[in-house]
Amino acid sequence: MELAYSDGFECPHCHTRLDVTTGGRSLAAWAGLAAGWVVWRLTRNAGGPLGDVLPELYSILAFGIVSPIVLAFTAGLQLAPVTPVVDVAAASSHGASHGGGHH
């Protein structure tokens, strides 16, 4: 479930934070856009009461299906950049020592 809310994950063996490479994301995005365009071109002349809406819906669905599949097969992993740790206790005591406000 962690992957749904982040750009990476933690290796279960060495507990190192891993991230998907930018090239894999770009390739997946372009493949999804291409699939969406092809589906839109194939369905743009659809008739009926929903003829103007369905090609866009189908192209969005095609993008949403093709992009993760391409990403799953082409993504490379790299070490994630280390995020700096902020010490909350030090930051809150700083304001109290100056009388609660900035100069």
N, C-alpha and C. Protein backbone atom coordinates (compact mmCIF):
# COMPACT_ATOMS: atom_id res chain seq x y z
N MET A 1 0.82 -1.18 0.00
CA MET A 1 0.00 0.00 0.00
C MET A 1 0.86 1.25 0.00
N GLU A 2 2.08 1.14 0.44
CA GLU A 2 2.97 2.29 0.51
C GLU A 2 3.24 2.89 -0.87
N LEU A 3 3.30 2.07 -1.91
CA LEU A 3 3.60 2.57 -3.24
C LEU A 3 2.50 3.47 -3.78
N ALA A 4 1.29 3.29 -3.34
CA ALA A 4 0.19 4.11 -3.84
C ALA A 4 0.31 5.55 -3.39
N TYR A 5 1.02 5.82 -2.33
CA TYR A 5 1.10 7.17 -1.78
C TYR A 5 2.49 7.78 -1.82
N SER A 6 3.41 7.19 -2.57
CA SER A 6 4.77 7.73 -2.58
C SER A 6 5.42 7.47 -3.93
N ASP A 7 6.63 7.98 -4.09
CA ASP A 7 7.40 7.77 -5.32
C ASP A 7 8.33 6.58 -5.22
N GLY A 8 8.42 5.94 -4.10
CA GLY A 8 9.35 4.84 -3.93
C GLY A 8 8.90 3.89 -2.86
N PHE A 9 9.83 3.05 -2.46
CA PHE A 9 9.53 2.07 -1.42
C PHE A 9 10.83 1.67 -0.74
N GLU A 10 10.70 0.92 0.31
CA GLU A 10 11.85 0.46 1.08
C GLU A 10 12.14 -0.99 0.72
N CYS A 11 13.42 -1.30 0.48
CA CYS A 11 13.84 -2.66 0.17
C CYS A 11 13.56 -3.55 1.38
N PRO A 12 12.88 -4.68 1.20
CA PRO A 12 12.57 -5.53 2.35
C PRO A 12 13.80 -6.21 2.95
N HIS A 13 14.90 -6.31 2.19
CA HIS A 13 16.07 -7.01 2.69
C HIS A 13 17.05 -6.09 3.41
N CYS A 14 17.42 -4.97 2.77
CA CYS A 14 18.43 -4.09 3.36
C CYS A 14 17.83 -2.80 3.92
N HIS A 15 16.52 -2.59 3.77
CA HIS A 15 15.79 -1.42 4.29
C HIS A 15 16.32 -0.10 3.73
N THR A 16 16.83 -0.14 2.50
CA THR A 16 17.28 1.06 1.82
C THR A 16 16.10 1.65 1.04
N ARG A 17 15.96 2.94 1.06
CA ARG A 17 14.88 3.62 0.34
C ARG A 17 15.21 3.65 -1.15
N LEU A 18 14.30 3.13 -1.99
CA LEU A 18 14.50 3.06 -3.43
C LEU A 18 13.47 3.94 -4.13
N ASP A 19 13.84 4.41 -5.32
CA ASP A 19 13.00 5.31 -6.09
C ASP A 19 13.02 4.86 -7.55
N VAL A 20 11.96 5.15 -8.29
CA VAL A 20 11.90 4.83 -9.71
C VAL A 20 12.67 5.89 -10.47
N THR A 21 13.46 5.48 -11.46
CA THR A 21 14.25 6.44 -12.23
C THR A 21 13.34 7.33 -13.06
N THR A 22 13.84 8.51 -13.37
CA THR A 22 13.07 9.48 -14.14
C THR A 22 12.82 8.97 -15.57
N GLY A 23 13.78 8.29 -16.15
CA GLY A 23 13.62 7.77 -17.51
C GLY A 23 12.46 6.79 -17.62
N GLY A 24 12.29 5.94 -16.63
CA GLY A 24 11.18 4.99 -16.64
C GLY A 24 9.84 5.68 -16.54
N ARG A 25 9.77 6.72 -15.73
CA ARG A 25 8.53 7.48 -15.60
C ARG A 25 8.19 8.20 -16.90
N SER A 26 9.20 8.79 -17.52
CA SER A 26 8.98 9.53 -18.77
C SER A 26 8.51 8.60 -19.87
N LEU A 27 9.14 7.46 -19.99
CA LEU A 27 8.75 6.50 -21.02
C LEU A 27 7.31 6.03 -20.80
N ALA A 28 6.95 5.75 -19.56
CA ALA A 28 5.59 5.31 -19.25
C ALA A 28 4.57 6.40 -19.56
N ALA A 29 4.90 7.64 -19.24
CA ALA A 29 3.98 8.75 -19.51
C ALA A 29 3.79 8.94 -21.01
N TRP A 30 4.87 8.90 -21.77
CA TRP A 30 4.75 9.06 -23.23
C TRP A 30 4.00 7.89 -23.86
N ALA A 31 4.23 6.68 -23.37
CA ALA A 31 3.50 5.52 -23.90
C ALA A 31 2.01 5.64 -23.59
N GLY A 32 1.68 6.10 -22.40
CA GLY A 32 0.28 6.30 -22.04
C GLY A 32 -0.38 7.38 -22.88
N LEU A 33 0.34 8.48 -23.12
CA LEU A 33 -0.20 9.53 -23.98
C LEU A 33 -0.40 9.05 -25.41
N ALA A 34 0.55 8.27 -25.92
CA ALA A 34 0.41 7.72 -27.26
C ALA A 34 -0.79 6.78 -27.35
N ALA A 35 -0.97 5.93 -26.36
CA ALA A 35 -2.11 5.02 -26.34
C ALA A 35 -3.43 5.79 -26.27
N GLY A 36 -3.45 6.83 -25.45
CA GLY A 36 -4.65 7.66 -25.35
C GLY A 36 -4.97 8.34 -26.66
N TRP A 37 -3.95 8.83 -27.35
CA TRP A 37 -4.16 9.49 -28.64
C TRP A 37 -4.68 8.49 -29.69
N VAL A 38 -4.09 7.30 -29.73
CA VAL A 38 -4.54 6.28 -30.69
C VAL A 38 -6.00 5.90 -30.42
N VAL A 39 -6.35 5.71 -29.17
CA VAL A 39 -7.73 5.35 -28.84
C VAL A 39 -8.67 6.49 -29.19
N TRP A 40 -8.27 7.73 -28.94
CA TRP A 40 -9.11 8.86 -29.30
C TRP A 40 -9.32 8.94 -30.81
N ARG A 41 -8.24 8.72 -31.59
CA ARG A 41 -8.35 8.75 -33.05
C ARG A 41 -9.28 7.66 -33.56
N LEU A 42 -9.24 6.49 -32.93
CA LEU A 42 -10.08 5.38 -33.38
C LEU A 42 -11.55 5.57 -33.00
N THR A 43 -11.82 6.32 -31.95
CA THR A 43 -13.20 6.44 -31.47
C THR A 43 -13.78 7.84 -31.64
N ARG A 44 -13.08 8.77 -32.28
CA ARG A 44 -13.54 10.15 -32.35
C ARG A 44 -14.78 10.35 -33.21
N ASN A 45 -15.07 9.47 -34.11
CA ASN A 45 -16.24 9.60 -34.97
C ASN A 45 -17.42 8.77 -34.48
N ALA A 46 -17.41 8.44 -33.20
CA ALA A 46 -18.51 7.65 -32.65
C ALA A 46 -19.78 8.49 -32.65
N GLY A 47 -20.87 7.85 -32.99
CA GLY A 47 -22.15 8.55 -33.02
C GLY A 47 -22.92 8.33 -31.74
N GLY A 48 -24.14 8.82 -31.74
CA GLY A 48 -25.00 8.62 -30.59
C GLY A 48 -24.97 9.79 -29.63
N PRO A 49 -25.75 9.69 -28.59
CA PRO A 49 -25.84 10.81 -27.64
C PRO A 49 -24.54 11.05 -26.85
N LEU A 50 -23.70 10.07 -26.71
CA LEU A 50 -22.44 10.23 -25.98
C LEU A 50 -21.24 10.25 -26.91
N GLY A 51 -21.47 10.50 -28.18
CA GLY A 51 -20.40 10.48 -29.17
C GLY A 51 -19.31 11.49 -28.93
N ASP A 52 -19.64 12.60 -28.28
CA ASP A 52 -18.62 13.62 -28.01
C ASP A 52 -17.84 13.33 -26.73
N VAL A 53 -18.38 12.51 -25.84
CA VAL A 53 -17.75 12.28 -24.54
C VAL A 53 -16.96 10.97 -24.51
N LEU A 54 -17.45 9.94 -25.14
CA LEU A 54 -16.82 8.62 -25.05
C LEU A 54 -15.39 8.57 -25.56
N PRO A 55 -15.03 9.24 -26.67
CA PRO A 55 -13.62 9.18 -27.08
C PRO A 55 -12.66 9.71 -26.01
N GLU A 56 -13.06 10.78 -25.35
CA GLU A 56 -12.20 11.31 -24.28
C GLU A 56 -12.13 10.35 -23.10
N LEU A 57 -13.25 9.78 -22.72
CA LEU A 57 -13.27 8.80 -21.63
C LEU A 57 -12.40 7.60 -21.96
N TYR A 58 -12.55 7.08 -23.18
CA TYR A 58 -11.75 5.91 -23.57
C TYR A 58 -10.26 6.25 -23.61
N SER A 59 -9.90 7.46 -24.05
CA SER A 59 -8.48 7.81 -24.09
C SER A 59 -7.90 7.98 -22.68
N ILE A 60 -8.68 8.50 -21.76
CA ILE A 60 -8.22 8.61 -20.37
C ILE A 60 -8.03 7.22 -19.76
N LEU A 61 -8.97 6.33 -20.04
CA LEU A 61 -8.83 4.96 -19.55
C LEU A 61 -7.62 4.26 -20.16
N ALA A 62 -7.38 4.49 -21.45
CA ALA A 62 -6.21 3.89 -22.10
C ALA A 62 -4.92 4.39 -21.46
N PHE A 63 -4.84 5.70 -21.19
CA PHE A 63 -3.66 6.26 -20.53
C PHE A 63 -3.48 5.62 -19.16
N GLY A 64 -4.58 5.50 -18.41
CA GLY A 64 -4.52 4.95 -17.06
C GLY A 64 -4.16 3.48 -17.01
N ILE A 65 -4.41 2.77 -18.08
CA ILE A 65 -4.07 1.34 -18.12
C ILE A 65 -2.66 1.12 -18.67
N VAL A 66 -2.32 1.82 -19.75
CA VAL A 66 -1.04 1.59 -20.42
C VAL A 66 0.14 2.13 -19.60
N SER A 67 0.00 3.30 -19.01
CA SER A 67 1.12 3.90 -18.28
C SER A 67 1.66 3.01 -17.16
N PRO A 68 0.81 2.49 -16.26
CA PRO A 68 1.38 1.65 -15.20
C PRO A 68 1.95 0.33 -15.71
N ILE A 69 1.37 -0.20 -16.77
CA ILE A 69 1.90 -1.46 -17.32
C ILE A 69 3.30 -1.22 -17.89
N VAL A 70 3.46 -0.15 -18.66
CA VAL A 70 4.78 0.17 -19.22
C VAL A 70 5.77 0.47 -18.09
N LEU A 71 5.32 1.20 -17.08
CA LEU A 71 6.20 1.51 -15.95
C LEU A 71 6.64 0.25 -15.22
N ALA A 72 5.73 -0.70 -15.07
CA ALA A 72 6.07 -1.95 -14.37
C ALA A 72 7.14 -2.74 -15.11
N PHE A 73 7.14 -2.68 -16.45
CA PHE A 73 8.10 -3.47 -17.21
C PHE A 73 9.39 -2.73 -17.54
N THR A 74 9.39 -1.40 -17.49
CA THR A 74 10.59 -0.67 -17.90
C THR A 74 11.25 0.12 -16.79
N ALA A 75 10.66 0.19 -15.62
CA ALA A 75 11.19 1.03 -14.56
C ALA A 75 12.49 0.47 -14.00
N GLY A 76 13.41 1.37 -13.77
CA GLY A 76 14.64 1.02 -13.09
C GLY A 76 14.61 1.64 -11.70
N LEU A 77 15.27 1.00 -10.76
CA LEU A 77 15.29 1.52 -9.40
C LEU A 77 16.65 2.13 -9.10
N GLN A 78 16.63 3.17 -8.29
CA GLN A 78 17.85 3.82 -7.84
C GLN A 78 17.69 4.16 -6.37
N LEU A 79 18.79 4.48 -5.72
CA LEU A 79 18.71 4.90 -4.33
C LEU A 79 18.00 6.24 -4.26
N ALA A 80 17.06 6.35 -3.36
CA ALA A 80 16.31 7.59 -3.21
C ALA A 80 17.18 8.62 -2.51
N PRO A 81 17.03 9.90 -2.88
CA PRO A 81 17.79 10.92 -2.17
C PRO A 81 17.38 11.00 -0.71
N VAL A 82 18.34 11.26 0.14
CA VAL A 82 18.09 11.32 1.57
C VAL A 82 17.45 12.66 1.90
N THR A 83 16.32 12.62 2.57
CA THR A 83 15.65 13.86 2.97
C THR A 83 16.20 14.32 4.31
N PRO A 84 16.42 15.62 4.47
CA PRO A 84 16.97 16.10 5.73
C PRO A 84 15.95 15.96 6.86
N VAL A 85 16.45 15.66 8.03
CA VAL A 85 15.60 15.50 9.21
C VAL A 85 15.54 16.84 9.93
N VAL A 86 14.32 17.31 10.20
CA VAL A 86 14.13 18.57 10.90
C VAL A 86 13.86 18.28 12.36
N ASP A 87 14.61 18.93 13.24
CA ASP A 87 14.43 18.76 14.67
C ASP A 87 13.35 19.72 15.14
N VAL A 88 12.17 19.22 15.42
CA VAL A 88 11.03 20.04 15.79
C VAL A 88 11.23 20.69 17.15
N ALA A 89 11.84 20.00 18.09
CA ALA A 89 12.04 20.54 19.43
C ALA A 89 12.96 21.76 19.39
N ALA A 90 14.00 21.73 18.60
CA ALA A 90 14.92 22.86 18.50
C ALA A 90 14.24 24.05 17.84
N ALA A 91 13.40 23.81 16.87
CA ALA A 91 12.71 24.91 16.19
C ALA A 91 11.70 25.57 17.11
N SER A 92 10.99 24.82 17.93
CA SER A 92 9.99 25.42 18.81
C SER A 92 10.65 26.15 19.98
N SER A 93 11.79 25.72 20.47
CA SER A 93 12.46 26.40 21.57
C SER A 93 13.13 27.68 21.08
N HIS A 94 13.43 27.78 19.80
CA HIS A 94 14.06 28.98 19.25
C HIS A 94 13.13 30.18 19.37
N GLY A 95 11.85 30.02 19.07
CA GLY A 95 10.90 31.11 19.16
C GLY A 95 10.64 31.55 20.59
N ALA A 96 10.69 30.63 21.51
CA ALA A 96 10.43 30.95 22.92
C ALA A 96 11.57 31.76 23.52
N SER A 97 12.80 31.57 23.06
CA SER A 97 13.92 32.29 23.62
C SER A 97 13.97 33.74 23.15
N HIS A 98 13.26 34.08 22.10
CA HIS A 98 13.25 35.44 21.58
C HIS A 98 11.97 36.19 21.96
N GLY A 99 11.27 35.73 22.94
CA GLY A 99 10.07 36.41 23.35
C GLY A 99 8.85 36.08 22.50
N GLY A 100 8.93 35.04 21.71
CA GLY A 100 7.78 34.57 20.93
C GLY A 100 7.62 35.20 19.57
N GLY A 101 8.44 36.16 19.19
CA GLY A 101 8.28 36.78 17.88
C GLY A 101 9.61 37.05 17.24
N HIS A 102 9.59 37.43 15.98
CA HIS A 102 10.82 37.75 15.26
C HIS A 102 11.07 39.25 15.31
N HIS A 103 12.31 39.65 15.14
CA HIS A 103 12.72 41.06 15.25
C HIS A 103 12.27 41.81 14.03
